[in-house]
Amino acid sequence: KGYDAVSSKVNEDYTVVISSSEQVVEEKKAENILKGQ
C-alpha cells in the first residue's frame, strides 16, 4: 500500500507502526532504542 512499517519486539508481543510519514516512524524507532537499558 506504500506505507512505512517499523516493527519491534516488546516482551512477548510485537509492535508494528504503520505510517505514511517517515518522521513518525523515525520517532518510534528512537523511542524504542534505549527501552529497558
PDB file of all heavy atoms in Angstrom:
ATOM      1  N   LYS A   1       0.803  -1.221   0.000  1.00  0.00           N
ATOM      2  CA  LYS A   1       0.000   0.000   0.000  1.00  0.00           C
ATOM      3  C   LYS A   1       0.838   1.274   0.000  1.00  0.00           C
ATOM      4  O   LYS A   1       0.305   2.376  -0.012  1.00  0.00           O
ATOM      5  CB  LYS A   1      -0.954   0.015   1.204  1.00  0.00           C
ATOM      6  CG  LYS A   1      -1.999  -1.078   1.151  1.00  0.00           C
ATOM      7  CD  LYS A   1      -2.927  -0.849  -0.018  1.00  0.00           C
ATOM      8  CE  LYS A   1      -4.056  -1.857  -0.044  1.00  0.00           C
ATOM      9  NZ  LYS A   1      -4.963  -1.653  -1.152  1.00  0.00           N
ATOM     10  N   GLY A   2       2.169   1.146   0.066  1.00  0.00           N
ATOM     11  CA  GLY A   2       3.043   2.314   0.020  1.00  0.00           C
ATOM     12  C   GLY A   2       3.265   2.995   1.357  1.00  0.00           C
ATOM     13  O   GLY A   2       3.695   4.144   1.411  1.00  0.00           O
ATOM     14  N   TYR A   3       3.001   2.288   2.445  1.00  0.00           N
ATOM     15  CA  TYR A   3       3.237   2.837   3.784  1.00  0.00           C
ATOM     16  C   TYR A   3       4.612   2.415   4.285  1.00  0.00           C
ATOM     17  O   TYR A   3       5.198   1.447   3.794  1.00  0.00           O
ATOM     18  CB  TYR A   3       2.188   2.320   4.776  1.00  0.00           C
ATOM     19  CG  TYR A   3       0.794   2.826   4.549  1.00  0.00           C
ATOM     20  CD1 TYR A   3      -0.175   2.012   3.968  1.00  0.00           C
ATOM     21  CD2 TYR A   3       0.431   4.113   4.931  1.00  0.00           C
ATOM     22  CE1 TYR A   3      -1.466   2.471   3.767  1.00  0.00           C
ATOM     23  CE2 TYR A   3      -0.855   4.578   4.735  1.00  0.00           C
ATOM     24  CZ  TYR A   3      -1.801   3.750   4.149  1.00  0.00           C
ATOM     25  OH  TYR A   3      -3.068   4.207   3.960  1.00  0.00           O
ATOM     26  N   ASP A   4       5.082   3.122   5.299  1.00  0.00           N
ATOM     27  CA  ASP A   4       6.290   2.726   6.016  1.00  0.00           C
ATOM     28  C   ASP A   4       5.857   1.848   7.180  1.00  0.00           C
ATOM     29  O   ASP A   4       4.811   2.079   7.781  1.00  0.00           O
ATOM     30  CB  ASP A   4       7.028   3.947   6.560  1.00  0.00           C
ATOM     31  CG  ASP A   4       7.553   4.839   5.455  1.00  0.00           C
ATOM     32  OD1 ASP A   4       8.179   4.311   4.523  1.00  0.00           O
ATOM     33  OD2 ASP A   4       7.342   6.058   5.526  1.00  0.00           O
ATOM     34  N   ALA A   5       6.678   0.858   7.525  1.00  0.00           N
ATOM     35  CA  ALA A   5       6.376  -0.011   8.669  1.00  0.00           C
ATOM     36  C   ALA A   5       7.653  -0.292   9.440  1.00  0.00           C
ATOM     37  O   ALA A   5       8.686  -0.593   8.854  1.00  0.00           O
ATOM     38  CB  ALA A   5       5.745  -1.315   8.202  1.00  0.00           C
ATOM     39  N   VAL A   6       7.557  -0.169  10.762  1.00  0.00           N
ATOM     40  CA  VAL A   6       8.671  -0.470  11.645  1.00  0.00           C
ATOM     41  C   VAL A   6       8.143  -1.403  12.726  1.00  0.00           C
ATOM     42  O   VAL A   6       7.109  -1.118  13.346  1.00  0.00           O
ATOM     43  CB  VAL A   6       9.241   0.812  12.297  1.00  0.00           C
ATOM     44  CG1 VAL A   6      10.311   0.460  13.311  1.00  0.00           C
ATOM     45  CG2 VAL A   6       9.788   1.741  11.239  1.00  0.00           C
ATOM     46  N   SER A   7       8.845  -2.502  12.942  1.00  0.00           N
ATOM     47  CA  SER A   7       8.394  -3.452  13.959  1.00  0.00           C
ATOM     48  C   SER A   7       9.443  -3.589  15.050  1.00  0.00           C
ATOM     49  O   SER A   7      10.635  -3.385  14.813  1.00  0.00           O
ATOM     50  CB  SER A   7       8.107  -4.820  13.333  1.00  0.00           C
ATOM     51  OG  SER A   7       9.285  -5.365  12.787  1.00  0.00           O
ATOM     52  N   SER A   8       8.976  -3.935  16.232  1.00  0.00           N
ATOM     53  CA  SER A   8       9.881  -4.198  17.342  1.00  0.00           C
ATOM     54  C   SER A   8       9.221  -5.196  18.278  1.00  0.00           C
ATOM     55  O   SER A   8       7.997  -5.306  18.331  1.00  0.00           O
ATOM     56  CB  SER A   8      10.216  -2.907  18.094  1.00  0.00           C
ATOM     57  OG  SER A   8       9.048  -2.316  18.616  1.00  0.00           O
ATOM     58  N   LYS A   9      10.049  -5.938  18.977  1.00  0.00           N
ATOM     59  CA  LYS A   9       9.535  -6.912  19.940  1.00  0.00           C
ATOM     60  C   LYS A   9       9.492  -6.247  21.304  1.00  0.00           C
ATOM     61  O   LYS A   9      10.463  -5.629  21.734  1.00  0.00           O
ATOM     62  CB  LYS A   9      10.410  -8.156  19.973  1.00  0.00           C
ATOM     63  CG  LYS A   9       9.828  -9.257  20.826  1.00  0.00           C
ATOM     64  CD  LYS A   9      10.494 -10.580  20.594  1.00  0.00           C
ATOM     65  CE  LYS A   9       9.758 -11.614  21.442  1.00  0.00           C
ATOM     66  NZ  LYS A   9      10.227 -12.949  21.201  1.00  0.00           N
ATOM     67  N   VAL A  10       8.357  -6.367  21.975  1.00  0.00           N
ATOM     68  CA  VAL A  10       8.170  -5.795  23.304  1.00  0.00           C
ATOM     69  C   VAL A  10       7.730  -6.929  24.215  1.00  0.00           C
ATOM     70  O   VAL A  10       6.586  -7.379  24.128  1.00  0.00           O
ATOM     71  CB  VAL A  10       7.113  -4.661  23.295  1.00  0.00           C
ATOM     72  CG1 VAL A  10       6.958  -4.062  24.669  1.00  0.00           C
ATOM     73  CG2 VAL A  10       7.463  -3.605  22.270  1.00  0.00           C
ATOM     74  N   ASN A  11       8.658  -7.413  25.042  1.00  0.00           N
ATOM     75  CA  ASN A  11       8.421  -8.580  25.887  1.00  0.00           C
ATOM     76  C   ASN A  11       8.026  -9.760  25.004  1.00  0.00           C
ATOM     77  O   ASN A  11       8.774 -10.137  24.145  1.00  0.00           O
ATOM     78  CB  ASN A  11       7.384  -8.283  26.967  1.00  0.00           C
ATOM     79  CG  ASN A  11       7.836  -7.163  27.896  1.00  0.00           C
ATOM     80  OD1 ASN A  11       9.000  -7.086  28.246  1.00  0.00           O
ATOM     81  ND2 ASN A  11       6.928  -6.289  28.266  1.00  0.00           N
ATOM     82  N   GLU A  12       6.848 -10.332  25.192  1.00  0.00           N
ATOM     83  CA  GLU A  12       6.399 -11.472  24.388  1.00  0.00           C
ATOM     84  C   GLU A  12       5.588 -11.041  23.172  1.00  0.00           C
ATOM     85  O   GLU A  12       5.197 -11.875  22.366  1.00  0.00           O
ATOM     86  CB  GLU A  12       5.565 -12.424  25.252  1.00  0.00           C
ATOM     87  CG  GLU A  12       6.336 -13.022  26.415  1.00  0.00           C
ATOM     88  CD  GLU A  12       7.546 -13.831  25.959  1.00  0.00           C
ATOM     89  OE1 GLU A  12       7.408 -14.626  25.007  1.00  0.00           O
ATOM     90  OE2 GLU A  12       8.624 -13.674  26.558  1.00  0.00           O
ATOM     91  N   ASP A  13       5.297  -9.756  23.053  1.00  0.00           N
ATOM     92  CA  ASP A  13       4.467  -9.244  21.965  1.00  0.00           C
ATOM     93  C   ASP A  13       5.314  -8.461  20.967  1.00  0.00           C
ATOM     94  O   ASP A  13       6.502  -8.228  21.176  1.00  0.00           O
ATOM     95  CB  ASP A  13       3.354  -8.348  22.521  1.00  0.00           C
ATOM     96  CG  ASP A  13       2.416  -9.119  23.436  1.00  0.00           C
ATOM     97  OD1 ASP A  13       2.070 -10.266  23.107  1.00  0.00           O
ATOM     98  OD2 ASP A  13       2.031  -8.565  24.484  1.00  0.00           O
ATOM     99  N   TYR A  14       4.676  -8.039  19.897  1.00  0.00           N
ATOM    100  CA  TYR A  14       5.335  -7.272  18.845  1.00  0.00           C
ATOM    101  C   TYR A  14       4.534  -6.004  18.570  1.00  0.00           C
ATOM    102  O   TYR A  14       3.309  -6.014  18.653  1.00  0.00           O
ATOM    103  CB  TYR A  14       5.405  -8.083  17.548  1.00  0.00           C
ATOM    104  CG  TYR A  14       6.142  -9.391  17.694  1.00  0.00           C
ATOM    105  CD1 TYR A  14       5.483 -10.535  18.133  1.00  0.00           C
ATOM    106  CD2 TYR A  14       7.501  -9.478  17.401  1.00  0.00           C
ATOM    107  CE1 TYR A  14       6.155 -11.736  18.272  1.00  0.00           C
ATOM    108  CE2 TYR A  14       8.174 -10.676  17.530  1.00  0.00           C
ATOM    109  CZ  TYR A  14       7.504 -11.804  17.971  1.00  0.00           C
ATOM    110  OH  TYR A  14       8.176 -12.996  18.108  1.00  0.00           O
ATOM    111  N   THR A  15       5.233  -4.941  18.256  1.00  0.00           N
ATOM    112  CA  THR A  15       4.605  -3.692  17.876  1.00  0.00           C
ATOM    113  C   THR A  15       4.993  -3.388  16.436  1.00  0.00           C
ATOM    114  O   THR A  15       6.161  -3.487  16.072  1.00  0.00           O
ATOM    115  CB  THR A  15       5.085  -2.537  18.784  1.00  0.00           C
ATOM    116  OG1 THR A  15       4.741  -2.849  20.127  1.00  0.00           O
ATOM    117  CG2 THR A  15       4.435  -1.233  18.394  1.00  0.00           C
ATOM    118  N   VAL A  16       3.992  -3.027  15.635  1.00  0.00           N
ATOM    119  CA  VAL A  16       4.239  -2.624  14.255  1.00  0.00           C
ATOM    120  C   VAL A  16       3.632  -1.242  14.085  1.00  0.00           C
ATOM    121  O   VAL A  16       2.438  -1.050  14.341  1.00  0.00           O
ATOM    122  CB  VAL A  16       3.606  -3.600  13.239  1.00  0.00           C
ATOM    123  CG1 VAL A  16       3.921  -3.161  11.817  1.00  0.00           C
ATOM    124  CG2 VAL A  16       4.083  -5.020  13.480  1.00  0.00           C
ATOM    125  N   VAL A  17       4.453  -0.272  13.708  1.00  0.00           N
ATOM    126  CA  VAL A  17       3.969   1.086  13.456  1.00  0.00           C
ATOM    127  C   VAL A  17       3.901   1.272  11.949  1.00  0.00           C
ATOM    128  O   VAL A  17       4.899   1.110  11.253  1.00  0.00           O
ATOM    129  CB  VAL A  17       4.889   2.147  14.095  1.00  0.00           C
ATOM    130  CG1 VAL A  17       4.404   3.544  13.741  1.00  0.00           C
ATOM    131  CG2 VAL A  17       4.938   1.964  15.597  1.00  0.00           C
ATOM    132  N   ILE A  18       2.698   1.595  11.480  1.00  0.00           N
ATOM    133  CA  ILE A  18       2.474   1.796  10.049  1.00  0.00           C
ATOM    134  C   ILE A  18       2.088   3.249   9.841  1.00  0.00           C
ATOM    135  O   ILE A  18       1.176   3.756  10.501  1.00  0.00           O
ATOM    136  CB  ILE A  18       1.376   0.862   9.520  1.00  0.00           C
ATOM    137  CG1 ILE A  18       1.819  -0.588   9.718  1.00  0.00           C
ATOM    138  CG2 ILE A  18       1.077   1.152   8.051  1.00  0.00           C
ATOM    139  CD1 ILE A  18       0.791  -1.610   9.315  1.00  0.00           C
ATOM    140  N   SER A  19       2.811   3.901   8.918  1.00  0.00           N
ATOM    141  CA  SER A  19       2.606   5.324   8.709  1.00  0.00           C
ATOM    142  C   SER A  19       2.986   5.719   7.299  1.00  0.00           C
ATOM    143  O   SER A  19       3.823   5.089   6.670  1.00  0.00           O
ATOM    144  CB  SER A  19       3.466   6.102   9.701  1.00  0.00           C
ATOM    145  OG  SER A  19       3.457   7.464   9.412  1.00  0.00           O
ATOM    146  N   SER A  20       2.377   6.801   6.842  1.00  0.00           N
ATOM    147  CA  SER A  20       2.784   7.355   5.553  1.00  0.00           C
ATOM    148  C   SER A  20       3.812   8.457   5.758  1.00  0.00           C
ATOM    149  O   SER A  20       4.294   9.044   4.817  1.00  0.00           O
ATOM    150  CB  SER A  20       1.568   7.903   4.801  1.00  0.00           C
ATOM    151  OG  SER A  20       0.944   8.902   5.572  1.00  0.00           O
ATOM    152  N   SER A  21       4.170   8.718   7.001  1.00  0.00           N
ATOM    153  CA  SER A  21       5.118   9.778   7.331  1.00  0.00           C
ATOM    154  C   SER A  21       6.384   9.174   7.915  1.00  0.00           C
ATOM    155  O   SER A  21       6.353   8.533   8.954  1.00  0.00           O
ATOM    156  CB  SER A  21       4.491  10.743   8.347  1.00  0.00           C
ATOM    157  OG  SER A  21       5.467  11.567   8.909  1.00  0.00           O
ATOM    158  N   GLU A  22       7.517   9.394   7.260  1.00  0.00           N
ATOM    159  CA  GLU A  22       8.780   8.872   7.771  1.00  0.00           C
ATOM    160  C   GLU A  22       9.128   9.460   9.130  1.00  0.00           C
ATOM    161  O   GLU A  22       9.740   8.800   9.951  1.00  0.00           O
ATOM    162  CB  GLU A  22       9.907   9.145   6.782  1.00  0.00           C
ATOM    163  CG  GLU A  22       9.829   8.285   5.549  1.00  0.00           C
ATOM    164  CD  GLU A  22      11.024   8.467   4.647  1.00  0.00           C
ATOM    165  OE1 GLU A  22      12.098   8.849   5.151  1.00  0.00           O
ATOM    166  OE2 GLU A  22      10.879   8.221   3.452  1.00  0.00           O
ATOM    167  N   GLN A  23       8.704  10.665   9.401  1.00  0.00           N
ATOM    168  CA  GLN A  23       9.024  11.311  10.674  1.00  0.00           C
ATOM    169  C   GLN A  23       8.431  10.530  11.839  1.00  0.00           C
ATOM    170  O   GLN A  23       9.102  10.296  12.829  1.00  0.00           O
ATOM    171  CB  GLN A  23       8.503  12.740  10.692  1.00  0.00           C
ATOM    172  CG  GLN A  23       8.832  13.457  11.996  1.00  0.00           C
ATOM    173  CD  GLN A  23       8.311  14.887  12.002  1.00  0.00           C
ATOM    174  OE1 GLN A  23       7.694  15.333  11.059  1.00  0.00           O
ATOM    175  NE2 GLN A  23       8.579  15.585  13.066  1.00  0.00           N
ATOM    176  N   VAL A  24       7.191  10.110  11.733  1.00  0.00           N
ATOM    177  CA  VAL A  24       6.552   9.361  12.809  1.00  0.00           C
ATOM    178  C   VAL A  24       7.264   8.032  13.018  1.00  0.00           C
ATOM    179  O   VAL A  24       7.491   7.605  14.143  1.00  0.00           O
ATOM    180  CB  VAL A  24       5.049   9.144  12.512  1.00  0.00           C
ATOM    181  CG1 VAL A  24       4.410   8.248  13.549  1.00  0.00           C
ATOM    182  CG2 VAL A  24       4.328  10.479  12.451  1.00  0.00           C
ATOM    183  N   VAL A  25       7.638   7.374  11.930  1.00  0.00           N
ATOM    184  CA  VAL A  25       8.339   6.105  12.022  1.00  0.00           C
ATOM    185  C   VAL A  25       9.685   6.290  12.705  1.00  0.00           C
ATOM    186  O   VAL A  25      10.058   5.518  13.579  1.00  0.00           O
ATOM    187  CB  VAL A  25       8.503   5.472  10.626  1.00  0.00           C
ATOM    188  CG1 VAL A  25       9.362   4.223  10.696  1.00  0.00           C
ATOM    189  CG2 VAL A  25       7.142   5.145  10.036  1.00  0.00           C
ATOM    190  N   GLU A  26      10.422   7.333  12.342  1.00  0.00           N
ATOM    191  CA  GLU A  26      11.716   7.593  12.962  1.00  0.00           C
ATOM    192  C   GLU A  26      11.562   7.888  14.447  1.00  0.00           C
ATOM    193  O   GLU A  26      12.376   7.473  15.254  1.00  0.00           O
ATOM    194  CB  GLU A  26      12.437   8.745  12.253  1.00  0.00           C
ATOM    195  CG  GLU A  26      12.883   8.413  10.844  1.00  0.00           C
ATOM    196  CD  GLU A  26      13.811   7.215  10.783  1.00  0.00           C
ATOM    197  OE1 GLU A  26      14.705   7.090  11.627  1.00  0.00           O
ATOM    198  OE2 GLU A  26      13.626   6.382   9.874  1.00  0.00           O
ATOM    199  N   GLU A  27      10.506   8.612  14.830  1.00  0.00           N
ATOM    200  CA  GLU A  27      10.266   8.893  16.234  1.00  0.00           C
ATOM    201  C   GLU A  27      10.030   7.602  17.003  1.00  0.00           C
ATOM    202  O   GLU A  27      10.505   7.437  18.123  1.00  0.00           O
ATOM    203  CB  GLU A  27       9.067   9.834  16.399  1.00  0.00           C
ATOM    204  CG  GLU A  27       9.359  11.259  16.002  1.00  0.00           C
ATOM    205  CD  GLU A  27       8.132  12.147  16.021  1.00  0.00           C
ATOM    206  OE1 GLU A  27       7.056  11.691  16.475  1.00  0.00           O
ATOM    207  OE2 GLU A  27       8.234  13.290  15.574  1.00  0.00           O
ATOM    208  N   LYS A  28       9.293   6.673  16.433  1.00  0.00           N
ATOM    209  CA  LYS A  28       9.018   5.405  17.088  1.00  0.00           C
ATOM    210  C   LYS A  28      10.285   4.590  17.246  1.00  0.00           C
ATOM    211  O   LYS A  28      10.522   3.975  18.274  1.00  0.00           O
ATOM    212  CB  LYS A  28       7.961   4.624  16.296  1.00  0.00           C
ATOM    213  CG  LYS A  28       7.491   3.386  17.000  1.00  0.00           C
ATOM    214  CD  LYS A  28       6.807   3.727  18.288  1.00  0.00           C
ATOM    215  CE  LYS A  28       6.417   2.479  19.038  1.00  0.00           C
ATOM    216  NZ  LYS A  28       5.965   2.758  20.381  1.00  0.00           N
ATOM    217  N   LYS A  29      11.148   4.590  16.230  1.00  0.00           N
ATOM    218  CA  LYS A  29      12.428   3.890  16.322  1.00  0.00           C
ATOM    219  C   LYS A  29      13.242   4.468  17.474  1.00  0.00           C
ATOM    220  O   LYS A  29      13.780   3.738  18.294  1.00  0.00           O
ATOM    221  CB  LYS A  29      13.227   4.051  15.033  1.00  0.00           C
ATOM    222  CG  LYS A  29      12.831   3.160  13.915  1.00  0.00           C
ATOM    223  CD  LYS A  29      13.810   3.412  12.757  1.00  0.00           C
ATOM    224  CE  LYS A  29      13.374   2.801  11.478  1.00  0.00           C
ATOM    225  NZ  LYS A  29      14.280   3.161  10.372  1.00  0.00           N
ATOM    226  N   ALA A  30      13.351   5.785  17.517  1.00  0.00           N
ATOM    227  CA  ALA A  30      14.131   6.454  18.555  1.00  0.00           C
ATOM    228  C   ALA A  30      13.567   6.169  19.937  1.00  0.00           C
ATOM    229  O   ALA A  30      14.312   5.991  20.895  1.00  0.00           O
ATOM    230  CB  ALA A  30      14.171   7.957  18.296  1.00  0.00           C
ATOM    231  N   GLU A  31      12.259   6.097  20.039  1.00  0.00           N
ATOM    232  CA  GLU A  31      11.608   5.837  21.322  1.00  0.00           C
ATOM    233  C   GLU A  31      11.990   4.467  21.868  1.00  0.00           C
ATOM    234  O   GLU A  31      12.103   4.280  23.078  1.00  0.00           O
ATOM    235  CB  GLU A  31      10.093   5.923  21.122  1.00  0.00           C
ATOM    236  CG  GLU A  31       9.271   5.724  22.355  1.00  0.00           C
ATOM    237  CD  GLU A  31       7.801   5.810  22.018  1.00  0.00           C
ATOM    238  OE1 GLU A  31       7.357   6.866  21.533  1.00  0.00           O
ATOM    239  OE2 GLU A  31       7.101   4.817  22.253  1.00  0.00           O
ATOM    240  N   ASN A  32      12.207   3.492  21.003  1.00  0.00           N
ATOM    241  CA  ASN A  32      12.486   2.130  21.432  1.00  0.00           C
ATOM    242  C   ASN A  32      13.962   1.794  21.567  1.00  0.00           C
ATOM    243  O   ASN A  32      14.305   0.734  22.051  1.00  0.00           O
ATOM    244  CB  ASN A  32      11.843   1.140  20.454  1.00  0.00           C
ATOM    245  CG  ASN A  32      10.354   1.062  20.642  1.00  0.00           C
ATOM    246  OD1 ASN A  32       9.871   1.085  21.762  1.00  0.00           O
ATOM    247  ND2 ASN A  32       9.636   0.984  19.544  1.00  0.00           N
ATOM    248  N   ILE A  33      14.846   2.676  21.158  1.00  0.00           N
ATOM    249  CA  ILE A  33      16.269   2.356  21.150  1.00  0.00           C
ATOM    250  C   ILE A  33      16.788   2.003  22.539  1.00  0.00           C
ATOM    251  O   ILE A  33      17.466   1.009  22.712  1.00  0.00           O
ATOM    252  CB  ILE A  33      17.085   3.514  20.536  1.00  0.00           C
ATOM    253  CG1 ILE A  33      16.858   3.540  19.033  1.00  0.00           C
ATOM    254  CG2 ILE A  33      18.571   3.359  20.850  1.00  0.00           C
ATOM    255  CD1 ILE A  33      17.503   4.709  18.335  1.00  0.00           C
ATOM    256  N   LEU A  34      16.480   2.791  23.540  1.00  0.00           N
ATOM    257  CA  LEU A  34      17.051   2.573  24.869  1.00  0.00           C
ATOM    258  C   LEU A  34      16.055   1.999  25.878  1.00  0.00           C
ATOM    259  O   LEU A  34      16.357   1.972  27.063  1.00  0.00           O
ATOM    260  CB  LEU A  34      17.623   3.894  25.416  1.00  0.00           C
ATOM    261  CG  LEU A  34      18.809   4.455  24.649  1.00  0.00           C
ATOM    262  CD1 LEU A  34      19.236   5.789  25.240  1.00  0.00           C
ATOM    263  CD2 LEU A  34      19.965   3.488  24.666  1.00  0.00           C
ATOM    264  N   LYS A  35      14.920   1.520  25.445  1.00  0.00           N
ATOM    265  CA  LYS A  35      13.946   0.955  26.377  1.00  0.00           C
ATOM    266  C   LYS A  35      14.568  -0.209  27.139  1.00  0.00           C
ATOM    267  O   LYS A  35      15.099  -1.126  26.558  1.00  0.00           O
ATOM    268  CB  LYS A  35      12.722   0.469  25.620  1.00  0.00           C
ATOM    269  CG  LYS A  35      11.508   1.270  25.903  1.00  0.00           C
ATOM    270  CD  LYS A  35      10.306   0.705  25.226  1.00  0.00           C
ATOM    271  CE  LYS A  35       9.248   1.767  25.261  1.00  0.00           C
ATOM    272  NZ  LYS A  35       8.137   1.467  24.428  1.00  0.00           N
ATOM    273  N   GLY A  36      14.493  -0.143  28.451  1.00  0.00           N
ATOM    274  CA  GLY A  36      14.994  -1.227  29.272  1.00  0.00           C
ATOM    275  C   GLY A  36      16.503  -1.273  29.407  1.00  0.00           C
ATOM    276  O   GLY A  36      17.041  -2.252  29.893  1.00  0.00           O
ATOM    277  N   GLN A  37      17.185  -0.234  28.992  1.00  0.00           N
ATOM    278  CA  GLN A  37      18.628  -0.211  29.084  1.00  0.00           C
ATOM    279  C   GLN A  37      19.068   0.907  30.021  1.00  0.00           C
ATOM    280  O   GLN A  37      18.367   1.888  30.200  1.00  0.00           O
ATOM    281  CB  GLN A  37      19.258   0.010  27.715  1.00  0.00           C
ATOM    282  CG  GLN A  37      18.966  -1.115  26.746  1.00  0.00           C
ATOM    283  CD  GLN A  37      19.660  -0.900  25.421  1.00  0.00           C
ATOM    284  OE1 GLN A  37      20.634  -0.184  25.328  1.00  0.00           O
ATOM    285  NE2 GLN A  37      19.153  -1.541  24.388  1.00  0.00           N
TER     286      GLN A  37
END
